[in-house]
Amino acid sequence: MARKKHTRLKQKISERGLTYGQLSQITGIPLGSLCAKIGGYAAFSSREAGLICQALDIPAEKLFIFF
């Protein structure tokens, strides 16, 4: 199975001027886990996706674009 790279999510993080470390602190998702998931090596849980959407002001109806 091909890994899903979250290019749009990376762009959104950059647009917000955040680092992965800052996003990790805001969401409470451990940095190593966050990096692995953004890189497509692991899947986001629905809870994690929700936390990230809140942190990045992504409306719930656009969640599928980023995850």
Protein backbone atom coordinates (compact mmCIF):
# COMPACT_ATOMS: atom_id res chain seq x y z
CA MET A 1 0.00 0.00 0.00
CA ALA A 2 1.34 3.41 -0.97
CA ARG A 3 1.84 5.86 1.84
CA LYS A 4 -0.25 9.00 1.85
CA LYS A 5 1.86 12.12 2.00
CA HIS A 6 -0.10 15.01 3.40
CA THR A 7 1.09 17.75 1.03
CA ARG A 8 -1.92 20.02 1.55
CA LEU A 9 -1.61 19.65 5.31
CA LYS A 10 2.07 20.62 5.11
CA GLN A 11 1.11 23.69 3.08
CA LYS A 12 -1.56 24.69 5.61
CA ILE A 13 0.91 24.36 8.50
CA SER A 14 3.36 26.56 6.61
CA GLU A 15 0.65 29.13 5.75
CA ARG A 16 -0.13 29.43 9.45
CA GLY A 17 3.56 30.04 10.16
CA LEU A 18 3.85 27.03 12.44
CA THR A 19 6.56 24.44 12.82
CA TYR A 20 5.80 20.79 13.44
CA GLY A 21 7.11 21.31 16.97
CA GLN A 22 4.67 24.14 17.60
CA LEU A 23 1.77 22.15 16.15
CA SER A 24 2.79 19.24 18.35
CA GLN A 25 2.64 21.44 21.44
CA ILE A 26 -0.72 22.95 20.46
CA THR A 27 -2.38 19.62 19.72
CA GLY A 28 -0.64 17.43 22.28
CA ILE A 29 0.36 14.96 19.56
CA PRO A 30 3.96 13.82 20.19
CA LEU A 31 6.37 15.33 17.67
CA GLY A 32 7.72 12.00 16.43
CA SER A 33 4.23 10.68 15.91
CA LEU A 34 3.12 13.87 14.15
CA CYS A 35 6.10 13.78 11.77
CA ALA A 36 5.54 10.11 10.96
CA LYS A 37 1.89 10.72 10.23
CA ILE A 38 2.46 13.82 8.10
CA GLY A 39 5.12 11.85 6.21
CA GLY A 40 2.60 9.10 5.52
CA TYR A 41 4.29 6.41 7.60
CA ALA A 42 1.32 6.12 9.98
CA ALA A 43 -2.36 7.07 9.91
CA PHE A 44 -4.00 9.90 11.83
CA SER A 45 -6.77 8.99 14.22
CA SER A 46 -10.02 10.93 13.89
CA ARG A 47 -9.23 12.61 17.21
CA GLU A 48 -5.82 13.75 15.97
CA ALA A 49 -7.30 15.03 12.71
CA GLY A 50 -9.85 17.01 14.72
CA LEU A 51 -7.17 18.53 16.95
CA ILE A 52 -5.13 19.56 13.93
CA CYS A 53 -8.17 21.06 12.21
CA GLN A 54 -8.88 23.12 15.32
CA ALA A 55 -5.28 24.31 15.54
CA LEU A 56 -5.16 25.27 11.86
CA ASP A 57 -8.73 26.67 11.65
CA ILE A 58 -9.76 24.07 9.09
CA PRO A 59 -13.57 23.77 8.92
CA ALA A 60 -14.92 20.27 9.54
CA GLU A 61 -16.43 20.11 6.05
CA LYS A 62 -12.94 20.50 4.54
CA LEU A 63 -11.29 17.83 6.68
CA PHE A 64 -11.28 15.32 3.81
CA ILE A 65 -9.09 17.67 1.72
CA PHE A 66 -6.26 17.46 4.25
CA PHE A 67 -6.67 13.90 5.54
